[in-house]
N, C-alpha and C. Protein backbone atom coordinates (compact mmCIF):
# COMPACT_ATOMS: atom_id res chain seq x y z
N MET A 1 15.19 7.54 3.25
CA MET A 1 16.55 8.01 3.36
C MET A 1 17.21 7.32 4.55
N ASN A 2 18.42 6.89 4.35
CA ASN A 2 19.18 6.18 5.38
C ASN A 2 20.11 7.16 6.09
N HIS A 3 19.96 7.28 7.40
CA HIS A 3 20.83 8.13 8.21
C HIS A 3 21.78 7.24 8.99
N GLN A 4 23.09 7.51 8.88
CA GLN A 4 24.08 6.70 9.59
C GLN A 4 24.74 7.52 10.69
N PHE A 5 24.91 6.88 11.85
CA PHE A 5 25.58 7.49 12.98
C PHE A 5 26.71 6.56 13.40
N ARG A 6 27.95 6.98 13.14
CA ARG A 6 29.13 6.17 13.41
C ARG A 6 29.75 6.63 14.73
N ALA A 7 30.08 5.66 15.58
CA ALA A 7 30.73 5.96 16.85
C ALA A 7 32.16 6.43 16.59
N SER A 8 32.67 7.22 17.50
CA SER A 8 34.02 7.73 17.37
C SER A 8 35.04 6.62 17.63
N ARG A 9 36.11 6.62 16.85
CA ARG A 9 37.18 5.63 17.05
C ARG A 9 37.94 5.88 18.36
N ALA A 10 37.86 7.08 18.87
CA ALA A 10 38.57 7.41 20.11
C ALA A 10 37.81 6.92 21.35
N SER A 11 36.59 6.44 21.17
CA SER A 11 35.81 5.97 22.31
C SER A 11 36.12 4.50 22.61
N PRO A 12 35.90 4.06 23.84
CA PRO A 12 36.20 2.67 24.21
C PRO A 12 35.38 1.66 23.40
N GLY A 13 36.05 0.59 22.93
CA GLY A 13 35.36 -0.46 22.19
C GLY A 13 35.17 -0.20 20.71
N ASN A 14 35.60 0.95 20.22
CA ASN A 14 35.39 1.32 18.83
C ASN A 14 36.68 1.66 18.09
N LEU A 15 37.82 1.25 18.63
CA LEU A 15 39.11 1.65 18.07
C LEU A 15 39.29 1.17 16.63
N LEU A 16 39.15 -0.12 16.37
CA LEU A 16 39.34 -0.66 15.03
C LEU A 16 38.05 -0.68 14.21
N PHE A 17 36.97 -1.11 14.85
CA PHE A 17 35.71 -1.27 14.16
C PHE A 17 34.60 -0.52 14.91
N PRO A 18 34.34 0.73 14.55
CA PRO A 18 33.32 1.49 15.26
C PRO A 18 31.90 0.99 14.97
N THR A 19 31.07 1.08 15.96
CA THR A 19 29.66 0.71 15.83
C THR A 19 28.94 1.75 15.00
N VAL A 20 28.03 1.29 14.14
CA VAL A 20 27.23 2.18 13.30
C VAL A 20 25.76 1.92 13.60
N ILE A 21 25.00 2.99 13.78
CA ILE A 21 23.55 2.87 13.94
C ILE A 21 22.92 3.56 12.74
N GLU A 22 22.08 2.81 12.01
CA GLU A 22 21.38 3.34 10.84
C GLU A 22 19.91 3.50 11.18
N VAL A 23 19.35 4.64 10.78
CA VAL A 23 17.94 4.92 11.01
C VAL A 23 17.31 5.26 9.67
N ASN A 24 16.20 4.59 9.34
CA ASN A 24 15.42 4.98 8.17
C ASN A 24 13.94 4.86 8.51
N ASP A 25 13.08 5.06 7.54
CA ASP A 25 11.65 5.10 7.81
C ASP A 25 11.06 3.74 8.18
N ARG A 26 11.81 2.66 8.02
CA ARG A 26 11.30 1.33 8.32
C ARG A 26 11.89 0.70 9.59
N HIS A 27 13.18 0.92 9.85
CA HIS A 27 13.80 0.26 10.98
C HIS A 27 15.04 1.00 11.47
N VAL A 28 15.50 0.59 12.66
CA VAL A 28 16.74 1.07 13.26
C VAL A 28 17.67 -0.14 13.31
N THR A 29 18.88 0.01 12.78
CA THR A 29 19.82 -1.10 12.72
C THR A 29 21.12 -0.74 13.42
N ARG A 30 21.63 -1.67 14.23
CA ARG A 30 22.95 -1.52 14.87
C ARG A 30 23.89 -2.47 14.15
N ILE A 31 24.99 -1.94 13.63
CA ILE A 31 25.97 -2.74 12.90
C ILE A 31 27.29 -2.70 13.67
N LYS A 32 27.78 -3.88 14.03
CA LYS A 32 29.06 -3.98 14.73
C LYS A 32 29.96 -4.90 13.92
N PRO A 33 30.90 -4.31 13.14
CA PRO A 33 31.82 -5.14 12.36
C PRO A 33 32.97 -5.65 13.22
N SER A 34 33.62 -6.70 12.75
CA SER A 34 34.83 -7.22 13.39
C SER A 34 35.73 -7.75 12.28
N TRP A 35 36.80 -8.46 12.64
CA TRP A 35 37.75 -8.94 11.63
C TRP A 35 37.09 -9.85 10.61
N ILE A 36 36.28 -10.78 11.08
CA ILE A 36 35.72 -11.79 10.19
C ILE A 36 34.21 -11.62 9.99
N THR A 37 33.52 -11.21 11.01
CA THR A 37 32.06 -11.15 10.94
C THR A 37 31.54 -9.72 11.02
N ARG A 38 30.26 -9.62 10.81
CA ARG A 38 29.56 -8.34 10.93
C ARG A 38 28.20 -8.66 11.53
N VAL A 39 27.93 -8.15 12.73
CA VAL A 39 26.68 -8.42 13.42
C VAL A 39 25.73 -7.25 13.18
N GLU A 40 24.55 -7.58 12.64
CA GLU A 40 23.52 -6.56 12.41
C GLU A 40 22.28 -6.94 13.20
N GLU A 41 21.81 -5.99 14.01
CA GLU A 41 20.58 -6.17 14.77
C GLU A 41 19.65 -5.04 14.36
N SER A 42 18.39 -5.33 14.15
CA SER A 42 17.47 -4.27 13.77
C SER A 42 16.15 -4.38 14.52
N VAL A 43 15.51 -3.24 14.67
CA VAL A 43 14.21 -3.14 15.31
C VAL A 43 13.34 -2.30 14.40
N SER A 44 12.13 -2.75 14.15
CA SER A 44 11.19 -1.98 13.34
C SER A 44 10.89 -0.65 14.02
N ILE A 45 10.71 0.39 13.23
CA ILE A 45 10.43 1.72 13.78
C ILE A 45 9.12 1.68 14.57
N ARG A 46 8.20 0.79 14.19
CA ARG A 46 6.93 0.64 14.91
C ARG A 46 7.14 0.02 16.29
N GLN A 47 8.21 -0.74 16.48
CA GLN A 47 8.43 -1.44 17.74
C GLN A 47 9.40 -0.73 18.68
N VAL A 48 9.92 0.42 18.28
CA VAL A 48 10.81 1.16 19.18
C VAL A 48 9.94 1.80 20.26
N SER A 49 10.19 1.43 21.51
CA SER A 49 9.37 1.97 22.59
C SER A 49 9.99 3.22 23.21
N SER A 50 11.31 3.29 23.29
CA SER A 50 11.96 4.47 23.84
C SER A 50 13.43 4.49 23.45
N VAL A 51 14.00 5.68 23.57
CA VAL A 51 15.43 5.87 23.30
C VAL A 51 16.03 6.53 24.53
N THR A 52 17.06 5.91 25.09
CA THR A 52 17.74 6.46 26.27
C THR A 52 19.12 6.94 25.85
N ILE A 53 19.44 8.17 26.21
CA ILE A 53 20.76 8.73 25.94
C ILE A 53 21.45 8.98 27.27
N THR A 54 22.61 8.37 27.47
CA THR A 54 23.42 8.61 28.66
C THR A 54 24.58 9.48 28.21
N ARG A 55 24.51 10.76 28.59
CA ARG A 55 25.50 11.72 28.13
C ARG A 55 26.71 11.74 29.07
N GLY A 56 27.87 11.70 28.47
CA GLY A 56 29.10 11.86 29.22
C GLY A 56 29.72 13.19 28.84
N MET A 57 30.92 13.42 29.29
CA MET A 57 31.59 14.67 28.96
C MET A 57 31.95 14.73 27.47
N LEU A 58 32.42 13.60 26.94
CA LEU A 58 32.80 13.55 25.52
C LEU A 58 31.84 12.73 24.69
N TRP A 59 31.42 11.56 25.20
CA TRP A 59 30.65 10.62 24.41
C TRP A 59 29.30 10.35 25.04
N ALA A 60 28.39 9.92 24.21
CA ALA A 60 27.06 9.54 24.68
C ALA A 60 26.81 8.08 24.36
N ASP A 61 26.14 7.38 25.25
CA ASP A 61 25.71 6.01 25.01
C ASP A 61 24.23 6.05 24.67
N VAL A 62 23.85 5.35 23.62
CA VAL A 62 22.47 5.33 23.15
C VAL A 62 21.92 3.93 23.34
N THR A 63 20.74 3.84 23.97
CA THR A 63 20.04 2.57 24.13
C THR A 63 18.67 2.71 23.49
N ILE A 64 18.38 1.84 22.51
CA ILE A 64 17.10 1.87 21.81
C ILE A 64 16.30 0.66 22.28
N HIS A 65 15.25 0.92 23.04
CA HIS A 65 14.44 -0.13 23.64
C HIS A 65 13.34 -0.57 22.66
N SER A 66 13.01 -1.84 22.72
CA SER A 66 12.01 -2.41 21.82
C SER A 66 10.80 -2.90 22.60
N SER A 67 9.63 -2.72 22.02
CA SER A 67 8.43 -3.27 22.64
C SER A 67 8.14 -4.66 22.11
N GLY A 68 8.96 -5.17 21.21
CA GLY A 68 8.73 -6.47 20.59
C GLY A 68 9.36 -7.64 21.31
N GLY A 69 9.93 -7.44 22.49
CA GLY A 69 10.50 -8.53 23.25
C GLY A 69 11.95 -8.85 22.92
N THR A 70 12.59 -8.03 22.11
CA THR A 70 14.00 -8.28 21.79
C THR A 70 14.88 -7.44 22.71
N ALA A 71 16.15 -7.78 22.74
CA ALA A 71 17.10 -7.03 23.55
C ALA A 71 17.27 -5.63 22.97
N PRO A 72 17.55 -4.65 23.81
CA PRO A 72 17.74 -3.29 23.29
C PRO A 72 19.01 -3.18 22.46
N LEU A 73 19.00 -2.24 21.52
CA LEU A 73 20.19 -1.95 20.71
C LEU A 73 21.05 -0.97 21.47
N LEU A 74 22.32 -1.29 21.66
CA LEU A 74 23.23 -0.44 22.42
C LEU A 74 24.29 0.13 21.50
N GLY A 75 24.52 1.41 21.61
CA GLY A 75 25.59 2.05 20.87
C GLY A 75 26.34 2.99 21.80
N SER A 76 27.64 2.84 21.87
CA SER A 76 28.43 3.71 22.75
C SER A 76 29.46 4.45 21.92
N GLY A 77 29.85 5.62 22.40
CA GLY A 77 30.89 6.39 21.74
C GLY A 77 30.38 7.36 20.69
N HIS A 78 29.11 7.69 20.70
CA HIS A 78 28.57 8.67 19.76
C HIS A 78 28.71 10.07 20.37
N THR A 79 28.81 11.05 19.52
CA THR A 79 28.85 12.42 20.04
C THR A 79 27.48 12.76 20.61
N ASN A 80 27.45 13.73 21.50
CA ASN A 80 26.18 14.12 22.10
C ASN A 80 25.21 14.65 21.04
N ALA A 81 25.72 15.38 20.06
CA ALA A 81 24.86 15.91 19.00
C ALA A 81 24.30 14.79 18.13
N ASP A 82 25.12 13.79 17.81
CA ASP A 82 24.64 12.64 17.03
C ASP A 82 23.58 11.86 17.78
N ALA A 83 23.77 11.67 19.07
CA ALA A 83 22.81 10.93 19.88
C ALA A 83 21.47 11.67 19.92
N GLU A 84 21.52 12.98 20.05
CA GLU A 84 20.29 13.77 20.07
C GLU A 84 19.59 13.73 18.71
N ARG A 85 20.36 13.83 17.63
CA ARG A 85 19.79 13.77 16.28
C ARG A 85 19.17 12.40 16.01
N LEU A 86 19.83 11.33 16.45
CA LEU A 86 19.30 9.98 16.30
C LEU A 86 17.95 9.85 17.01
N LYS A 87 17.87 10.33 18.22
CA LYS A 87 16.63 10.28 18.99
C LYS A 87 15.53 11.10 18.31
N ASP A 88 15.88 12.29 17.82
CA ASP A 88 14.90 13.14 17.14
C ASP A 88 14.37 12.49 15.86
N LEU A 89 15.25 11.84 15.11
CA LEU A 89 14.83 11.15 13.88
C LEU A 89 13.84 10.04 14.18
N ILE A 90 14.13 9.23 15.18
CA ILE A 90 13.23 8.13 15.54
C ILE A 90 11.88 8.69 15.97
N GLU A 91 11.88 9.72 16.79
CA GLU A 91 10.62 10.32 17.25
C GLU A 91 9.86 10.96 16.08
N GLU A 92 10.57 11.57 15.15
CA GLU A 92 9.93 12.17 13.97
C GLU A 92 9.27 11.10 13.10
N TYR A 93 9.97 9.99 12.86
CA TYR A 93 9.39 8.90 12.07
C TYR A 93 8.18 8.30 12.77
N GLN A 94 8.24 8.16 14.08
CA GLN A 94 7.11 7.59 14.81
C GLN A 94 5.91 8.54 14.81
N ALA A 95 6.14 9.84 14.93
CA ALA A 95 5.04 10.80 14.90
C ALA A 95 4.38 10.81 13.52
N THR A 96 5.18 10.77 12.48
CA THR A 96 4.64 10.73 11.12
C THR A 96 3.87 9.44 10.90
N LEU A 97 4.37 8.35 11.44
CA LEU A 97 3.70 7.06 11.33
C LEU A 97 2.33 7.09 11.99
N LEU A 98 2.21 7.73 13.14
CA LEU A 98 0.93 7.83 13.82
C LEU A 98 -0.06 8.71 13.05
N GLN A 99 0.42 9.79 12.46
CA GLN A 99 -0.46 10.72 11.76
C GLN A 99 -0.93 10.19 10.41
N THR A 100 -0.03 9.57 9.66
CA THR A 100 -0.35 9.21 8.28
C THR A 100 -0.45 7.73 8.02
N GLY A 101 0.02 6.91 8.93
CA GLY A 101 0.02 5.47 8.69
C GLY A 101 1.28 4.99 8.00
N THR A 102 2.13 5.92 7.58
CA THR A 102 3.40 5.58 6.96
C THR A 102 4.46 6.55 7.47
N ALA A 103 5.67 6.07 7.65
CA ALA A 103 6.73 6.93 8.19
C ALA A 103 7.38 7.76 7.10
N ASP A 104 7.22 7.37 5.84
CA ASP A 104 7.82 8.08 4.72
C ASP A 104 6.73 8.83 3.98
N VAL A 105 6.72 10.16 4.06
CA VAL A 105 5.66 10.96 3.43
C VAL A 105 6.07 11.52 2.07
N ARG A 106 7.19 11.03 1.52
CA ARG A 106 7.62 11.53 0.21
C ARG A 106 6.65 11.13 -0.89
N MET A 107 5.93 10.04 -0.72
CA MET A 107 5.00 9.58 -1.75
C MET A 107 3.56 10.01 -1.45
N LEU A 108 3.39 11.02 -0.61
CA LEU A 108 2.07 11.54 -0.27
C LEU A 108 1.96 13.00 -0.66
N ARG A 109 0.73 13.46 -0.87
CA ARG A 109 0.48 14.87 -1.13
C ARG A 109 -0.80 15.26 -0.41
N ALA A 110 -0.98 16.54 -0.21
CA ALA A 110 -2.16 17.03 0.50
C ALA A 110 -3.32 17.21 -0.46
N CYS A 111 -4.50 16.81 -0.03
CA CYS A 111 -5.72 17.03 -0.81
C CYS A 111 -6.00 18.53 -0.83
N PRO A 112 -6.31 19.12 -1.98
CA PRO A 112 -6.55 20.56 -2.03
C PRO A 112 -7.84 20.98 -1.32
N ARG A 113 -8.75 20.05 -1.09
CA ARG A 113 -10.02 20.39 -0.46
C ARG A 113 -9.99 20.23 1.05
N CYS A 114 -9.50 19.06 1.53
CA CYS A 114 -9.55 18.79 2.98
C CYS A 114 -8.18 18.79 3.64
N ALA A 115 -7.10 18.88 2.87
CA ALA A 115 -5.72 18.94 3.35
C ALA A 115 -5.23 17.66 4.00
N GLU A 116 -5.95 16.55 3.86
CA GLU A 116 -5.47 15.27 4.36
C GLU A 116 -4.44 14.72 3.39
N LEU A 117 -3.51 13.91 3.91
CA LEU A 117 -2.47 13.34 3.06
C LEU A 117 -2.98 12.10 2.35
N VAL A 118 -2.80 12.09 1.02
CA VAL A 118 -3.19 10.95 0.19
C VAL A 118 -2.01 10.60 -0.69
N LYS A 119 -2.05 9.42 -1.32
CA LYS A 119 -0.96 9.01 -2.19
C LYS A 119 -0.88 9.92 -3.42
N VAL A 120 0.33 10.07 -3.94
CA VAL A 120 0.55 10.92 -5.10
C VAL A 120 -0.25 10.40 -6.30
N ALA A 121 -0.37 9.10 -6.46
CA ALA A 121 -1.05 8.52 -7.60
C ALA A 121 -2.57 8.49 -7.46
N ALA A 122 -3.10 8.91 -6.31
CA ALA A 122 -4.55 8.85 -6.09
C ALA A 122 -5.28 9.82 -7.00
N ARG A 123 -6.44 9.38 -7.46
CA ARG A 123 -7.28 10.23 -8.32
C ARG A 123 -8.47 10.78 -7.54
N VAL A 124 -8.82 10.11 -6.43
CA VAL A 124 -9.93 10.55 -5.58
C VAL A 124 -9.43 10.53 -4.14
N CYS A 125 -9.74 11.58 -3.37
CA CYS A 125 -9.34 11.65 -1.96
C CYS A 125 -10.15 10.63 -1.17
N ARG A 126 -9.49 9.84 -0.35
CA ARG A 126 -10.20 8.82 0.42
C ARG A 126 -10.93 9.40 1.63
N PHE A 127 -10.68 10.66 1.95
CA PHE A 127 -11.33 11.29 3.10
C PHE A 127 -12.58 12.07 2.70
N CYS A 128 -12.47 12.91 1.66
CA CYS A 128 -13.61 13.75 1.27
C CYS A 128 -14.21 13.36 -0.08
N GLN A 129 -13.65 12.36 -0.75
CA GLN A 129 -14.09 11.84 -2.05
C GLN A 129 -14.09 12.88 -3.17
N CYS A 130 -13.30 13.93 -3.03
CA CYS A 130 -13.20 14.90 -4.12
C CYS A 130 -12.18 14.40 -5.13
N GLU A 131 -12.39 14.76 -6.40
CA GLU A 131 -11.44 14.36 -7.43
C GLU A 131 -10.18 15.21 -7.30
N LEU A 132 -9.05 14.54 -7.39
CA LEU A 132 -7.77 15.23 -7.24
C LEU A 132 -7.21 15.59 -8.61
N PRO A 133 -6.60 16.76 -8.72
CA PRO A 133 -6.00 17.12 -10.00
C PRO A 133 -4.79 16.23 -10.28
N ILE A 134 -4.60 15.92 -11.53
CA ILE A 134 -3.46 15.10 -11.93
C ILE A 134 -2.24 16.01 -12.00
N GLU A 135 -1.17 15.59 -11.33
CA GLU A 135 0.06 16.37 -11.38
C GLU A 135 0.84 15.99 -12.62
N LEU A 136 1.07 16.97 -13.46
CA LEU A 136 1.79 16.72 -14.70
C LEU A 136 3.28 16.74 -14.46
N THR A 137 3.98 15.89 -15.16
CA THR A 137 5.43 15.89 -15.08
C THR A 137 5.99 16.69 -16.23
N GLU A 138 7.22 17.11 -16.09
CA GLU A 138 7.85 17.88 -17.16
C GLU A 138 8.15 16.97 -18.33
N GLU A 139 7.82 17.44 -19.52
CA GLU A 139 8.10 16.68 -20.72
C GLU A 139 9.00 17.51 -21.61
N ALA A 140 9.83 16.85 -22.35
CA ALA A 140 10.74 17.55 -23.24
C ALA A 140 9.96 18.15 -24.41
N ASP A 141 10.31 19.35 -24.79
CA ASP A 141 9.68 19.97 -25.95
C ASP A 141 10.09 19.23 -27.21
N ALA A 142 9.21 19.23 -28.19
CA ALA A 142 9.52 18.56 -29.45
C ALA A 142 10.66 19.26 -30.16
N SER A 143 10.80 20.57 -29.93
CA SER A 143 11.87 21.31 -30.59
C SER A 143 13.25 20.95 -30.04
N GLU A 144 13.30 20.39 -28.81
CA GLU A 144 14.58 20.04 -28.21
C GLU A 144 15.07 18.67 -28.65
N GLU A 145 14.19 17.85 -29.23
CA GLU A 145 14.59 16.51 -29.63
C GLU A 145 15.47 16.58 -30.87
N PRO A 146 16.57 15.84 -30.90
CA PRO A 146 17.42 15.86 -32.08
C PRO A 146 16.74 15.12 -33.24
N GLY A 147 16.98 15.61 -34.45
CA GLY A 147 16.43 14.97 -35.63
C GLY A 147 15.02 15.36 -35.94
N ARG A 148 14.46 16.33 -35.22
CA ARG A 148 13.08 16.78 -35.45
C ARG A 148 13.10 18.22 -35.98
N ASP A 149 13.41 18.37 -37.22
CA ASP A 149 13.48 19.70 -37.82
C ASP A 149 12.25 20.04 -38.64
N TRP A 150 11.25 19.17 -38.68
CA TRP A 150 10.08 19.40 -39.49
C TRP A 150 8.99 20.06 -38.66
N SER A 151 7.96 20.56 -39.28
CA SER A 151 6.82 21.16 -38.61
C SER A 151 5.55 20.78 -39.35
N TRP A 152 4.38 21.14 -38.84
CA TRP A 152 3.12 20.81 -39.45
C TRP A 152 2.70 21.79 -40.54
N ARG A 153 3.41 22.83 -40.73
CA ARG A 153 3.03 23.83 -41.74
C ARG A 153 3.33 23.39 -43.13
């Protein structure tokens, strides 16, 4: 899921083209549009080393530091609540990444025996080697299909 945090137009430097910071399970991207160009800088969620929030009375400045040797991503003019939510999202993705090896847990499920997270399509748990039940999907009833008025009787 892509989360967007747009700077306020009333803040300095964002009057015509506000800065946007996007956070998802793979990377953090800073987008700064202008009349002709659009500059996008991104840092992998694995390489984010820290997030600094400088709170003002109205606006907060967000600095996303990288451990990969690139310049930090700077965003100014965000609300204090948006800056806090952005920081929490990055920390949540990083914590999930450390626990499961992936930042997106939508494609994982818990093993019924050992409660470790495994892929939804897995048939055997990689931790306890127990067989996993197959999750059935909903299928349409034959009676609901149009043109099927016959029966086996």
